[in-house]
């Protein structure tokens, strides 16, 4: 069964999951031809392995704390902090605490993978 994506005008709740974090899973929120928003849920110690996507990426830490390793260096994000990663940047994320993030992927029209967060590499 496919997970439904939000429709134009539909309100999406991005508040911290709090006590529900441990039972939650990552899922796509919005997907259009050039934009994808995904709520990424990572338990403490879990890795999102090195990968890249064709579009620019933002990672907004909603709750918890993560370490982001990217070509430009390594950063820690805490709740309320955001980082921009260039298109095709190889990056990895490790949860230092139970965490949820909002990942936004913007793919310029006409590029391979447009409208998809298809991993490369």
PDB file of N, CA and C in Angstrom:
ATOM      1  N   UNK A   1       0.840  -1.175   0.000  1.00  0.00           N
ATOM      2  CA  UNK A   1       0.000   0.000   0.000  1.00  0.00           C
ATOM      3  C   UNK A   1       0.885   1.237   0.000  1.00  0.00           C
ATOM      4  N   UNK A   2       0.655   2.137  -0.909  1.00  0.00           N
ATOM      5  CA  UNK A   2       1.450   3.356  -1.035  1.00  0.00           C
ATOM      6  C   UNK A   2       1.083   4.340   0.077  1.00  0.00           C
ATOM      7  N   UNK A   3       2.094   5.055   0.564  1.00  0.00           N
ATOM      8  CA  UNK A   3       1.860   6.086   1.568  1.00  0.00           C
ATOM      9  C   UNK A   3       1.381   7.329   0.839  1.00  0.00           C
ATOM     10  N   UNK A   4       0.248   7.885   1.262  1.00  0.00           N
ATOM     11  CA  UNK A   4      -0.258   9.067   0.560  1.00  0.00           C
ATOM     12  C   UNK A   4       0.612  10.295   0.845  1.00  0.00           C
ATOM     13  N   UNK A   5       0.768  11.127  -0.160  1.00  0.00           N
ATOM     14  CA  UNK A   5       1.480  12.390  -0.016  1.00  0.00           C
ATOM     15  C   UNK A   5       0.445  13.492   0.195  1.00  0.00           C
ATOM     16  N   UNK A   6       0.884  14.587   0.820  1.00  0.00           N
ATOM     17  CA  UNK A   6      -0.014  15.720   1.030  1.00  0.00           C
ATOM     18  C   UNK A   6      -0.414  16.316  -0.309  1.00  0.00           C
ATOM     19  N   UNK A   7      -1.618  16.820  -0.356  1.00  0.00           N
ATOM     20  CA  UNK A   7      -2.130  17.496  -1.551  1.00  0.00           C
ATOM     21  C   UNK A   7      -1.993  19.000  -1.361  1.00  0.00           C
ATOM     22  N   UNK A   8      -1.983  19.769  -2.438  1.00  0.00           N
ATOM     23  CA  UNK A   8      -1.915  21.224  -2.320  1.00  0.00           C
ATOM     24  C   UNK A   8      -2.984  21.740  -1.357  1.00  0.00           C
ATOM     25  N   UNK A   9      -2.574  22.607  -0.447  1.00  0.00           N
ATOM     26  CA  UNK A   9      -3.481  23.190   0.529  1.00  0.00           C
ATOM     27  C   UNK A   9      -3.666  22.379   1.792  1.00  0.00           C
ATOM     28  N   UNK A  10      -3.169  21.140   1.819  1.00  0.00           N
ATOM     29  CA  UNK A  10      -3.307  20.290   3.001  1.00  0.00           C
ATOM     30  C   UNK A  10      -2.246  20.658   4.040  1.00  0.00           C
ATOM     31  N   UNK A  11      -2.651  20.767   5.289  1.00  0.00           N
ATOM     32  CA  UNK A  11      -1.738  21.114   6.378  1.00  0.00           C
ATOM     33  C   UNK A  11      -0.969  19.872   6.816  1.00  0.00           C
ATOM     34  N   UNK A  12       0.355  20.034   7.003  1.00  0.00           N
ATOM     35  CA  UNK A  12       1.223  18.940   7.447  1.00  0.00           C
ATOM     36  C   UNK A  12       1.762  19.290   8.824  1.00  0.00           C
ATOM     37  N   UNK A  13       1.643  18.381   9.756  1.00  0.00           N
ATOM     38  CA  UNK A  13       2.120  18.592  11.122  1.00  0.00           C
ATOM     39  C   UNK A  13       3.588  18.188  11.217  1.00  0.00           C
ATOM     40  N   UNK A  14       4.460  19.166  11.463  1.00  0.00           N
ATOM     41  CA  UNK A  14       5.894  18.899  11.590  1.00  0.00           C
ATOM     42  C   UNK A  14       6.392  19.060  13.020  1.00  0.00           C
ATOM     43  N   UNK A  15       5.480  19.137  13.968  1.00  0.00           N
ATOM     44  CA  UNK A  15       5.907  19.277  15.356  1.00  0.00           C
ATOM     45  C   UNK A  15       6.719  18.047  15.773  1.00  0.00           C
ATOM     46  N   UNK A  16       7.563  18.217  16.799  1.00  0.00           N
ATOM     47  CA  UNK A  16       8.326  17.054  17.287  1.00  0.00           C
ATOM     48  C   UNK A  16       7.391  15.894  17.629  1.00  0.00           C
ATOM     49  N   UNK A  17       7.882  14.687  17.392  1.00  0.00           N
ATOM     50  CA  UNK A  17       7.093  13.489  17.665  1.00  0.00           C
ATOM     51  C   UNK A  17       7.083  13.143  19.148  1.00  0.00           C
ATOM     52  N   UNK A  18       8.102  13.596  19.876  1.00  0.00           N
ATOM     53  CA  UNK A  18       8.156  13.356  21.322  1.00  0.00           C
ATOM     54  C   UNK A  18       8.131  11.872  21.643  1.00  0.00           C
ATOM     55  N   UNK A  19       7.192  11.461  22.474  1.00  0.00           N
ATOM     56  CA  UNK A  19       7.094  10.060  22.911  1.00  0.00           C
ATOM     57  C   UNK A  19       6.781   9.104  21.760  1.00  0.00           C
ATOM     58  N   UNK A  20       6.242   9.610  20.659  1.00  0.00           N
ATOM     59  CA  UNK A  20       5.920   8.763  19.499  1.00  0.00           C
ATOM     60  C   UNK A  20       7.132   8.512  18.616  1.00  0.00           C
ATOM     61  N   UNK A  21       8.267   9.169  18.888  1.00  0.00           N
ATOM     62  CA  UNK A  21       9.453   9.061  18.033  1.00  0.00           C
ATOM     63  C   UNK A  21       9.932   7.622  17.885  1.00  0.00           C
ATOM     64  N   UNK A  22       9.989   6.878  18.975  1.00  0.00           N
ATOM     65  CA  UNK A  22      10.505   5.499  18.934  1.00  0.00           C
ATOM     66  C   UNK A  22       9.658   4.582  18.052  1.00  0.00           C
ATOM     67  N   UNK A  23       8.372   4.869  17.902  1.00  0.00           N
ATOM     68  CA  UNK A  23       7.489   4.025  17.087  1.00  0.00           C
ATOM     69  C   UNK A  23       7.307   4.557  15.673  1.00  0.00           C
ATOM     70  N   UNK A  24       7.900   5.691  15.365  1.00  0.00           N
ATOM     71  CA  UNK A  24       7.690   6.315  14.059  1.00  0.00           C
ATOM     72  C   UNK A  24       8.727   5.854  13.046  1.00  0.00           C
ATOM     73  N   UNK A  25       8.378   5.996  11.773  1.00  0.00           N
ATOM     74  CA  UNK A  25       9.270   5.638  10.673  1.00  0.00           C
ATOM     75  C   UNK A  25       9.394   6.811   9.717  1.00  0.00           C
ATOM     76  N   UNK A  26      10.473   6.804   8.950  1.00  0.00           N
ATOM     77  CA  UNK A  26      10.663   7.824   7.918  1.00  0.00           C
ATOM     78  C   UNK A  26       9.568   7.685   6.861  1.00  0.00           C
ATOM     79  N   UNK A  27       9.116   8.824   6.324  1.00  0.00           N
ATOM     80  CA  UNK A  27       8.094   8.769   5.281  1.00  0.00           C
ATOM     81  C   UNK A  27       8.084  10.060   4.476  1.00  0.00           C
ATOM     82  N   UNK A  28       7.692   9.919   3.220  1.00  0.00           N
ATOM     83  CA  UNK A  28       7.570  11.072   2.326  1.00  0.00           C
ATOM     84  C   UNK A  28       6.329  11.860   2.705  1.00  0.00           C
ATOM     85  N   UNK A  29       6.461  13.187   2.680  1.00  0.00           N
ATOM     86  CA  UNK A  29       5.340  14.068   2.988  1.00  0.00           C
ATOM     87  C   UNK A  29       4.744  14.671   1.727  1.00  0.00           C
ATOM     88  N   UNK A  30       5.629  15.175   0.865  1.00  0.00           N
ATOM     89  CA  UNK A  30       5.218  15.833  -0.373  1.00  0.00           C
ATOM     90  C   UNK A  30       6.136  15.352  -1.485  1.00  0.00           C
ATOM     91  N   UNK A  31       5.571  15.120  -2.654  1.00  0.00           N
ATOM     92  CA  UNK A  31       6.386  14.780  -3.812  1.00  0.00           C
ATOM     93  C   UNK A  31       5.735  15.383  -5.048  1.00  0.00           C
ATOM     94  N   UNK A  32       6.497  16.271  -5.707  1.00  0.00           N
ATOM     95  CA  UNK A  32       6.054  16.860  -6.964  1.00  0.00           C
ATOM     96  C   UNK A  32       7.156  16.609  -7.988  1.00  0.00           C
ATOM     97  N   UNK A  33       7.015  17.181  -9.185  1.00  0.00           N
ATOM     98  CA  UNK A  33       8.027  16.969 -10.222  1.00  0.00           C
ATOM     99  C   UNK A  33       9.373  17.576  -9.842  1.00  0.00           C
ATOM    100  N   UNK A  34       9.424  18.561  -8.945  1.00  0.00           N
ATOM    101  CA  UNK A  34      10.696  19.217  -8.632  1.00  0.00           C
ATOM    102  C   UNK A  34      10.968  19.365  -7.139  1.00  0.00           C
ATOM    103  N   UNK A  35      10.093  18.834  -6.290  1.00  0.00           N
ATOM    104  CA  UNK A  35      10.237  19.028  -4.853  1.00  0.00           C
ATOM    105  C   UNK A  35       9.805  17.787  -4.102  1.00  0.00           C
ATOM    106  N   UNK A  36      10.612  17.399  -3.113  1.00  0.00           N
ATOM    107  CA  UNK A  36      10.243  16.272  -2.262  1.00  0.00           C
ATOM    108  C   UNK A  36      10.586  16.625  -0.828  1.00  0.00           C
ATOM    109  N   UNK A  37       9.641  16.403   0.081  1.00  0.00           N
ATOM    110  CA  UNK A  37       9.856  16.595   1.510  1.00  0.00           C
ATOM    111  C   UNK A  37       9.654  15.256   2.201  1.00  0.00           C
ATOM    112  N   UNK A  38      10.622  14.900   3.031  1.00  0.00           N
ATOM    113  CA  UNK A  38      10.602  13.611   3.710  1.00  0.00           C
ATOM    114  C   UNK A  38      10.873  13.843   5.185  1.00  0.00           C
ATOM    115  N   UNK A  39      10.090  13.223   6.051  1.00  0.00           N
ATOM    116  CA  UNK A  39      10.400  13.223   7.470  1.00  0.00           C
ATOM    117  C   UNK A  39      11.275  12.006   7.708  1.00  0.00           C
ATOM    118  N   UNK A  40      12.520  12.262   8.101  1.00  0.00           N
ATOM    119  CA  UNK A  40      13.490  11.202   8.363  1.00  0.00           C
ATOM    120  C   UNK A  40      13.524  10.959   9.860  1.00  0.00           C
ATOM    121  N   UNK A  41      13.315   9.721  10.269  1.00  0.00           N
ATOM    122  CA  UNK A  41      13.354   9.339  11.673  1.00  0.00           C
ATOM    123  C   UNK A  41      14.534   8.399  11.866  1.00  0.00           C
ATOM    124  N   UNK A  42      15.430   8.765  12.795  1.00  0.00           N
ATOM    125  CA  UNK A  42      16.621   7.961  13.061  1.00  0.00           C
ATOM    126  C   UNK A  42      16.765   7.722  14.558  1.00  0.00           C
ATOM    127  N   UNK A  43      16.758   6.456  14.997  1.00  0.00           N
ATOM    128  CA  UNK A  43      17.053   6.160  16.402  1.00  0.00           C
ATOM    129  C   UNK A  43      18.532   6.442  16.693  1.00  0.00           C
ATOM    130  N   UNK A  44      18.847   6.745  17.928  1.00  0.00           N
ATOM    131  CA  UNK A  44      20.228   7.018  18.336  1.00  0.00           C
ATOM    132  C   UNK A  44      21.154   5.913  17.835  1.00  0.00           C
ATOM    133  N   UNK A  45      22.280   6.312  17.239  1.00  0.00           N
ATOM    134  CA  UNK A  45      23.272   5.366  16.738  1.00  0.00           C
ATOM    135  C   UNK A  45      23.031   4.893  15.321  1.00  0.00           C
ATOM    136  N   UNK A  46      21.863   5.150  14.758  1.00  0.00           N
ATOM    137  CA  UNK A  46      21.568   4.693  13.394  1.00  0.00           C
ATOM    138  C   UNK A  46      22.165   5.659  12.375  1.00  0.00           C
ATOM    139  N   UNK A  47      22.636   5.088  11.259  1.00  0.00           N
ATOM    140  CA  UNK A  47      23.234   5.866  10.180  1.00  0.00           C
ATOM    141  C   UNK A  47      22.333   5.899   8.958  1.00  0.00           C
ATOM    142  N   UNK A  48      22.357   7.011   8.270  1.00  0.00           N
ATOM    143  CA  UNK A  48      21.846   7.137   6.909  1.00  0.00           C
ATOM    144  C   UNK A  48      23.126   7.135   6.090  1.00  0.00           C
ATOM    145  N   UNK A  49      23.465   6.030   5.410  1.00  0.00           N
ATOM    146  CA  UNK A  49      24.795   5.870   4.808  1.00  0.00           C
ATOM    147  C   UNK A  49      25.114   6.906   3.730  1.00  0.00           C
ATOM    148  N   UNK A  50      26.398   7.045   3.385  1.00  0.00           N
ATOM    149  CA  UNK A  50      26.799   8.019   2.368  1.00  0.00           C
ATOM    150  C   UNK A  50      26.039   7.822   1.060  1.00  0.00           C
ATOM    151  N   UNK A  51      25.555   8.928   0.515  1.00  0.00           N
ATOM    152  CA  UNK A  51      24.795   8.909  -0.735  1.00  0.00           C
ATOM    153  C   UNK A  51      24.747  10.331  -1.276  1.00  0.00           C
ATOM    154  N   UNK A  52      24.227  10.489  -2.455  1.00  0.00           N
ATOM    155  CA  UNK A  52      23.975  11.825  -3.005  1.00  0.00           C
ATOM    156  C   UNK A  52      22.664  11.780  -3.768  1.00  0.00           C
ATOM    157  N   UNK A  53      22.097  12.953  -3.972  1.00  0.00           N
ATOM    158  CA  UNK A  53      20.895  13.081  -4.791  1.00  0.00           C
ATOM    159  C   UNK A  53      21.169  14.147  -5.836  1.00  0.00           C
ATOM    160  N   UNK A  54      20.388  14.152  -6.890  1.00  0.00           N
ATOM    161  CA  UNK A  54      20.629  15.087  -7.991  1.00  0.00           C
ATOM    162  C   UNK A  54      20.321  16.533  -7.614  1.00  0.00           C
ATOM    163  N   UNK A  55      19.431  16.739  -6.666  1.00  0.00           N
ATOM    164  CA  UNK A  55      19.025  18.101  -6.331  1.00  0.00           C
ATOM    165  C   UNK A  55      19.677  18.631  -5.070  1.00  0.00           C
ATOM    166  N   UNK A  56      19.441  19.918  -4.837  1.00  0.00           N
ATOM    167  CA  UNK A  56      19.885  20.531  -3.590  1.00  0.00           C
ATOM    168  C   UNK A  56      19.062  19.954  -2.441  1.00  0.00           C
ATOM    169  N   UNK A  57      19.699  19.856  -1.268  1.00  0.00           N
ATOM    170  CA  UNK A  57      19.065  19.239  -0.104  1.00  0.00           C
ATOM    171  C   UNK A  57      19.179  20.177   1.087  1.00  0.00           C
ATOM    172  N   UNK A  58      18.098  20.303   1.848  1.00  0.00           N
ATOM    173  CA  UNK A  58      18.194  20.909   3.168  1.00  0.00           C
ATOM    174  C   UNK A  58      17.817  19.858   4.187  1.00  0.00           C
ATOM    175  N   UNK A  59      18.481  19.913   5.318  1.00  0.00           N
ATOM    176  CA  UNK A  59      18.156  19.055   6.457  1.00  0.00           C
ATOM    177  C   UNK A  59      17.846  19.960   7.637  1.00  0.00           C
ATOM    178  N   UNK A  60      16.631  19.879   8.143  1.00  0.00           N
ATOM    179  CA  UNK A  60      16.205  20.638   9.307  1.00  0.00           C
ATOM    180  C   UNK A  60      15.989  19.649  10.442  1.00  0.00           C
ATOM    181  N   UNK A  61      16.737  19.809  11.517  1.00  0.00           N
ATOM    182  CA  UNK A  61      16.566  18.937  12.675  1.00  0.00           C
ATOM    183  C   UNK A  61      15.340  19.404  13.456  1.00  0.00           C
ATOM    184  N   UNK A  62      14.341  18.548  13.549  1.00  0.00           N
ATOM    185  CA  UNK A  62      13.116  18.878  14.270  1.00  0.00           C
ATOM    186  C   UNK A  62      13.277  18.564  15.749  1.00  0.00           C
ATOM    187  N   UNK A  63      13.917  17.431  16.033  1.00  0.00           N
ATOM    188  CA  UNK A  63      14.152  17.025  17.427  1.00  0.00           C
ATOM    189  C   UNK A  63      15.343  16.091  17.478  1.00  0.00           C
ATOM    190  N   UNK A  64      15.999  16.056  18.627  1.00  0.00           N
ATOM    191  CA  UNK A  64      17.168  15.208  18.788  1.00  0.00           C
ATOM    192  C   UNK A  64      18.420  15.918  18.305  1.00  0.00           C
ATOM    193  N   UNK A  65      19.423  15.112  17.961  1.00  0.00           N
ATOM    194  CA  UNK A  65      20.710  15.650  17.510  1.00  0.00           C
ATOM    195  C   UNK A  65      21.323  14.657  16.544  1.00  0.00           C
ATOM    196  N   UNK A  66      21.907  15.178  15.439  1.00  0.00           N
ATOM    197  CA  UNK A  66      22.533  14.341  14.417  1.00  0.00           C
ATOM    198  C   UNK A  66      23.877  14.929  14.005  1.00  0.00           C
ATOM    199  N   UNK A  67      24.708  14.084  13.423  1.00  0.00           N
ATOM    200  CA  UNK A  67      25.966  14.526  12.805  1.00  0.00           C
ATOM    201  C   UNK A  67      25.823  14.326  11.305  1.00  0.00           C
ATOM    202  N   UNK A  68      26.103  15.378  10.558  1.00  0.00           N
ATOM    203  CA  UNK A  68      26.030  15.343   9.099  1.00  0.00           C
ATOM    204  C   UNK A  68      27.449  15.429   8.560  1.00  0.00           C
ATOM    205  N   UNK A  69      27.858  14.414   7.811  1.00  0.00           N
ATOM    206  CA  UNK A  69      29.158  14.435   7.137  1.00  0.00           C
ATOM    207  C   UNK A  69      28.888  14.699   5.669  1.00  0.00           C
ATOM    208  N   UNK A  70      29.539  15.740   5.141  1.00  0.00           N
ATOM    209  CA  UNK A  70      29.345  16.118   3.743  1.00  0.00           C
ATOM    210  C   UNK A  70      30.702  16.467   3.162  1.00  0.00           C
ATOM    211  N   UNK A  71      30.728  16.720   1.865  1.00  0.00           N
ATOM    212  CA  UNK A  71      31.993  17.047   1.207  1.00  0.00           C
ATOM    213  C   UNK A  71      32.618  18.310   1.797  1.00  0.00           C
ATOM    214  N   UNK A  72      31.796  19.239   2.281  1.00  0.00           N
ATOM    215  CA  UNK A  72      32.311  20.492   2.843  1.00  0.00           C
ATOM    216  C   UNK A  72      32.772  20.341   4.288  1.00  0.00           C
ATOM    217  N   UNK A  73      32.531  19.192   4.900  1.00  0.00           N
ATOM    218  CA  UNK A  73      32.951  18.986   6.281  1.00  0.00           C
ATOM    219  C   UNK A  73      31.879  18.305   7.102  1.00  0.00           C
ATOM    220  N   UNK A  74      32.070  18.356   8.406  1.00  0.00           N
ATOM    221  CA  UNK A  74      31.181  17.674   9.341  1.00  0.00           C
ATOM    222  C   UNK A  74      30.516  18.706  10.240  1.00  0.00           C
ATOM    223  N   UNK A  75      29.205  18.539  10.449  1.00  0.00           N
ATOM    224  CA  UNK A  75      28.421  19.467  11.266  1.00  0.00           C
ATOM    225  C   UNK A  75      27.534  18.661  12.207  1.00  0.00           C
ATOM    226  N   UNK A  76      27.250  19.226  13.372  1.00  0.00           N
ATOM    227  CA  UNK A  76      26.214  18.675  14.236  1.00  0.00           C
ATOM    228  C   UNK A  76      25.005  19.576  14.152  1.00  0.00           C
ATOM    229  N   UNK A  77      23.838  18.957  14.072  1.00  0.00           N
ATOM    230  CA  UNK A  77      22.578  19.699  14.060  1.00  0.00           C
ATOM    231  C   UNK A  77      21.779  19.326  15.291  1.00  0.00           C
ATOM    232  N   UNK A  78      21.237  20.324  15.962  1.00  0.00           N
ATOM    233  CA  UNK A  78      20.312  20.128  17.074  1.00  0.00           C
ATOM    234  C   UNK A  78      18.953  20.658  16.641  1.00  0.00           C
ATOM    235  N   UNK A  79      17.940  20.426  17.464  1.00  0.00           N
ATOM    236  CA  UNK A  79      16.581  20.860  17.141  1.00  0.00           C
ATOM    237  C   UNK A  79      16.560  22.333  16.743  1.00  0.00           C
ATOM    238  N   UNK A  80      15.929  22.611  15.605  1.00  0.00           N
ATOM    239  CA  UNK A  80      15.795  23.972  15.114  1.00  0.00           C
ATOM    240  C   UNK A  80      16.914  24.424  14.196  1.00  0.00           C
ATOM    241  N   UNK A  81      17.920  23.568  13.965  1.00  0.00           N
ATOM    242  CA  UNK A  81      19.039  23.945  13.099  1.00  0.00           C
ATOM    243  C   UNK A  81      18.906  23.276  11.733  1.00  0.00           C
ATOM    244  N   UNK A  82      19.400  23.982  10.702  1.00  0.00           N
ATOM    245  CA  UNK A  82      19.242  23.555   9.317  1.00  0.00           C
ATOM    246  C   UNK A  82      20.577  23.673   8.594  1.00  0.00           C
ATOM    247  N   UNK A  83      20.806  22.777   7.638  1.00  0.00           N
ATOM    248  CA  UNK A  83      21.992  22.848   6.789  1.00  0.00           C
ATOM    249  C   UNK A  83      21.566  22.647   5.333  1.00  0.00           C
ATOM    250  N   UNK A  84      22.252  23.352   4.424  1.00  0.00           N
ATOM    251  CA  UNK A  84      22.037  23.214   2.983  1.00  0.00           C
ATOM    252  C   UNK A  84      23.174  22.398   2.400  1.00  0.00           C
ATOM    253  N   UNK A  85      22.835  21.410   1.584  1.00  0.00           N
ATOM    254  CA  UNK A  85      23.834  20.594   0.898  1.00  0.00           C
ATOM    255  C   UNK A  85      23.649  20.781  -0.603  1.00  0.00           C
ATOM    256  N   UNK A  86      24.738  21.047  -1.322  1.00  0.00           N
ATOM    257  CA  UNK A  86      24.631  21.257  -2.768  1.00  0.00           C
ATOM    258  C   UNK A  86      24.180  19.991  -3.501  1.00  0.00           C
ATOM    259  N   UNK A  87      23.665  20.172  -4.687  1.00  0.00           N
ATOM    260  CA  UNK A  87      23.278  19.039  -5.531  1.00  0.00           C
ATOM    261  C   UNK A  87      24.470  18.115  -5.742  1.00  0.00           C
ATOM    262  N   UNK A  88      24.224  16.839  -5.695  1.00  0.00           N
ATOM    263  CA  UNK A  88      25.197  15.766  -5.928  1.00  0.00           C
ATOM    264  C   UNK A  88      26.294  15.697  -4.864  1.00  0.00           C
ATOM    265  N   UNK A  89      26.127  16.395  -3.740  1.00  0.00           N
ATOM    266  CA  UNK A  89      27.069  16.327  -2.630  1.00  0.00           C
ATOM    267  C   UNK A  89      26.910  14.981  -1.931  1.00  0.00           C
ATOM    268  N   UNK A  90      27.991  14.266  -1.743  1.00  0.00           N
ATOM    269  CA  UNK A  90      27.930  12.998  -1.011  1.00  0.00           C
ATOM    270  C   UNK A  90      27.860  13.331   0.466  1.00  0.00           C
ATOM    271  N   UNK A  91      26.833  12.805   1.134  1.00  0.00           N
ATOM    272  CA  UNK A  91      26.645  13.096   2.549  1.00  0.00           C
ATOM    273  C   UNK A  91      26.092  11.881   3.283  1.00  0.00           C
ATOM    274  N   UNK A  92      26.304  11.882   4.600  1.00  0.00           N
ATOM    275  CA  UNK A  92      25.800  10.828   5.473  1.00  0.00           C
ATOM    276  C   UNK A  92      25.295  11.489   6.746  1.00  0.00           C
ATOM    277  N   UNK A  93      24.370  10.825   7.425  1.00  0.00           N
ATOM    278  CA  UNK A  93      23.811  11.357   8.668  1.00  0.00           C
ATOM    279  C   UNK A  93      23.860  10.248   9.714  1.00  0.00           C
ATOM    280  N   UNK A  94      24.269  10.615  10.938  1.00  0.00           N
ATOM    281  CA  UNK A  94      24.272   9.682  12.069  1.00  0.00           C
ATOM    282  C   UNK A  94      23.509  10.323  13.219  1.00  0.00           C
ATOM    283  N   UNK A  95      22.561   9.583  13.785  1.00  0.00           N
ATOM    284  CA  UNK A  95      21.789  10.089  14.913  1.00  0.00           C
ATOM    285  C   UNK A  95      22.617   9.962  16.192  1.00  0.00           C
ATOM    286  N   UNK A  96      22.876  11.085  16.842  1.00  0.00           N
ATOM    287  CA  UNK A  96      23.570  11.086  18.126  1.00  0.00           C
ATOM    288  C   UNK A  96      22.582  10.857  19.263  1.00  0.00           C
ATOM    289  N   UNK A  97      21.336  11.218  18.997  1.00  0.00           N
ATOM    290  CA  UNK A  97      20.196  10.961  19.881  1.00  0.00           C
ATOM    291  C   UNK A  97      19.047  10.553  18.970  1.00  0.00           C
ATOM    292  N   UNK A  98      17.990   9.984  19.536  1.00  0.00           N
ATOM    293  CA  UNK A  98      16.797   9.754  18.728  1.00  0.00           C
ATOM    294  C   UNK A  98      16.442  11.084  18.072  1.00  0.00           C
ATOM    295  N   UNK A  99      16.193  11.067  16.773  1.00  0.00           N
ATOM    296  CA  UNK A  99      16.009  12.327  16.050  1.00  0.00           C
ATOM    297  C   UNK A  99      14.992  12.192  14.930  1.00  0.00           C
ATOM    298  N   UNK A 100      14.381  13.334  14.604  1.00  0.00           N
ATOM    299  CA  UNK A 100      13.597  13.421  13.367  1.00  0.00           C
ATOM    300  C   UNK A 100      14.022  14.691  12.651  1.00  0.00           C
ATOM    301  N   UNK A 101      14.052  14.586  11.323  1.00  0.00           N
ATOM    302  CA  UNK A 101      14.524  15.667  10.464  1.00  0.00           C
ATOM    303  C   UNK A 101      13.523  15.891   9.347  1.00  0.00           C
ATOM    304  N   UNK A 102      13.494  17.099   8.830  1.00  0.00           N
ATOM    305  CA  UNK A 102      12.773  17.374   7.599  1.00  0.00           C
ATOM    306  C   UNK A 102      13.813  17.498   6.508  1.00  0.00           C
ATOM    307  N   UNK A 103      13.782  16.573   5.554  1.00  0.00           N
ATOM    308  CA  UNK A 103      14.697  16.615   4.411  1.00  0.00           C
ATOM    309  C   UNK A 103      13.912  17.151   3.218  1.00  0.00           C
ATOM    310  N   UNK A 104      14.440  18.193   2.615  1.00  0.00           N
ATOM    311  CA  UNK A 104      13.837  18.789   1.432  1.00  0.00           C
ATOM    312  C   UNK A 104      14.790  18.602   0.264  1.00  0.00           C
ATOM    313  N   UNK A 105      14.293  18.075  -0.840  1.00  0.00           N
ATOM    314  CA  UNK A 105      15.098  17.889  -2.043  1.00  0.00           C
ATOM    315  C   UNK A 105      14.444  18.691  -3.157  1.00  0.00           C
ATOM    316  N   UNK A 106      15.209  19.612  -3.725  1.00  0.00           N
ATOM    317  CA  UNK A 106      14.717  20.386  -4.862  1.00  0.00           C
ATOM    318  C   UNK A 106      15.552  20.011  -6.079  1.00  0.00           C
ATOM    319  N   UNK A 107      14.894  19.442  -7.078  1.00  0.00           N
ATOM    320  CA  UNK A 107      15.584  18.998  -8.275  1.00  0.00           C
ATOM    321  C   UNK A 107      15.254  19.926  -9.431  1.00  0.00           C
ATOM    322  N   UNK A 108      16.268  20.544 -10.035  1.00  0.00           N
ATOM    323  CA  UNK A 108      16.004  21.394 -11.192  1.00  0.00           C
ATOM    324  C   UNK A 108      15.374  20.583 -12.326  1.00  0.00           C
ATOM    325  N   UNK A 109      14.417  21.158 -13.040  1.00  0.00           N
ATOM    326  CA  UNK A 109      13.792  20.442 -14.156  1.00  0.00           C
ATOM    327  C   UNK A 109      14.828  20.007 -15.187  1.00  0.00           C
ATOM    328  N   UNK A 110      14.585  18.848 -15.763  1.00  0.00           N
ATOM    329  CA  UNK A 110      15.440  18.365 -16.844  1.00  0.00           C
ATOM    330  C   UNK A 110      16.632  17.545 -16.396  1.00  0.00           C
ATOM    331  N   UNK A 111      16.923  17.519 -15.087  1.00  0.00           N
ATOM    332  CA  UNK A 111      18.052  16.705 -14.628  1.00  0.00           C
ATOM    333  C   UNK A 111      17.598  15.276 -14.444  1.00  0.00           C
ATOM    334  N   UNK A 112      18.527  14.318 -14.601  1.00  0.00           N
ATOM    335  CA  UNK A 112      18.172  12.935 -14.316  1.00  0.00           C
ATOM    336  C   UNK A 112      17.693  12.845 -12.872  1.00  0.00           C
ATOM    337  N   UNK A 113      16.646  12.069 -12.656  1.00  0.00           N
ATOM    338  CA  UNK A 113      16.117  11.921 -11.317  1.00  0.00           C
ATOM    339  C   UNK A 113      15.197  13.054 -10.920  1.00  0.00           C
ATOM    340  N   UNK A 114      14.868  13.954 -11.851  1.00  0.00           N
ATOM    341  CA  UNK A 114      13.993  15.077 -11.539  1.00  0.00           C
ATOM    342  C   UNK A 114      12.692  14.550 -10.951  1.00  0.00           C
ATOM    343  N   UNK A 115      12.352  15.126  -9.790  1.00  0.00           N
ATOM    344  CA  UNK A 115      11.130  14.689  -9.109  1.00  0.00           C
ATOM    345  C   UNK A 115      11.346  13.450  -8.280  1.00  0.00           C
ATOM    346  N   UNK A 116      12.585  13.045  -8.088  1.00  0.00           N
ATOM    347  CA  UNK A 116      12.841  11.842  -7.310  1.00  0.00           C
ATOM    348  C   UNK A 116      14.099  12.017  -6.489  1.00  0.00           C
ATOM    349  N   UNK A 117      14.082  11.493  -5.296  1.00  0.00           N
ATOM    350  CA  UNK A 117      15.279  11.554  -4.460  1.00  0.00           C
ATOM    351  C   UNK A 117      16.151  10.328  -4.699  1.00  0.00           C
ATOM    352  N   UNK A 118      16.065   9.762  -5.885  1.00  0.00           N
ATOM    353  CA  UNK A 118      16.852   8.584  -6.223  1.00  0.00           C
ATOM    354  C   UNK A 118      18.302   8.802  -5.854  1.00  0.00           C
ATOM    355  N   UNK A 119      18.822   7.872  -5.053  1.00  0.00           N
ATOM    356  CA  UNK A 119      20.199   7.987  -4.598  1.00  0.00           C
ATOM    357  C   UNK A 119      21.156   7.653  -5.717  1.00  0.00           C
ATOM    358  N   UNK A 120      22.284   8.348  -5.730  1.00  0.00           N
ATOM    359  CA  UNK A 120      23.340   8.036  -6.667  1.00  0.00           C
ATOM    360  C   UNK A 120      24.569   7.624  -5.904  1.00  0.00           C
ATOM    361  N   UNK A 121      25.454   6.948  -6.606  1.00  0.00           N
ATOM    362  CA  UNK A 121      26.741   6.656  -6.027  1.00  0.00           C
ATOM    363  C   UNK A 121      26.901   5.280  -5.589  1.00  0.00           C
TER     364      UNK A 121
END
